[in-house]
Amino acid sequence: MKPVDHQALARRMQLLPGVEHLVHVYNSKESGEAGARRIRKATNPAYQPAGTYEAHAHPHENGTAVWARYVAGADVAPLPTVMTVRVAEYTEDGDVRVAAVEISARCQVCGGPRGEVFPYRFRRDGAADLVCDVWGNPCGHVDYDEAVLAEVRRREARRPKDRPSPPEIKGVEGGRYAGAVDAIAEALRAAPWTRAKTAALFLEELGHAEAAEVVRAFVRDYPTGGMASARAAALYLISKDEETSGEVAK
């Protein structure tokens, strides 16, 4: 890439508060992270005072990209690290199912932000309508289903395998959300890191619409929002059923 005119770039970012701009692509992860720190700490005079700009280093097909945005005095939301999407997954037999998965919030080619997600309804071989998600990345790179599913497999392969398994969760017998809790428990056996937002999606797909709405409300009220785990959501559903059974007993 050409040398960066940091003064000009800093001025452009001021005109669009909260919008990320590509600063530079570095050859190594270490140099990229150092470049991001220089922006955040304003050791480069163009970005003074410290805290005026936010910058992060992300993997790029040619190294490590630094993306930054102007945040001083701007009402901007924190940058997400992951996103939950519904992807069409085709089997060897030609069947299709919709899988709710978690992927990085960053483009896997250039490290830029991925685009806003929209539902897309489609039909396969006369079957009932299915709904997956589509999005357009501002950088222009296209996320095809096959690439997204490959990314999911890579993320799963990097998960620590030696952590002790948490206690099994089980729905309250006869409880309103027992089926939803058991569905989450089944999903956690295969993917123990699943987030509550993902759980809400597949609960809806499985017909547990009421439980899905309860989980979404739980996520909205949770201190870290979208970081809430599916396990925490299941325990919350269990507590709601236990409260109800306690009231009935009285």
Foldseek 3Di string as FASTA:
>chain_A
DDDFPLLVVLVVQVVPAQAKDWGDFDQEPVVQQVVQVCLQCVVPVSNPDHNQKHWDWDDAQRYIIIIMHGHVPHPYDDDDQKDWWWFWDADPVGDIDIAIAIAGQADPHGRHGWFDKDWDWDDDPPDDIDITIAGAGPVRDHDHRVNRVVRRVVVVVPDDPPDDDDDQDAADVVFPCRVLLVVLSVVCVVPVQAALLSSLVVCVVVPVPVLSVVSQVVLVPDPVRRNHHNNVSSVVSRVVRVVVVVVVVD
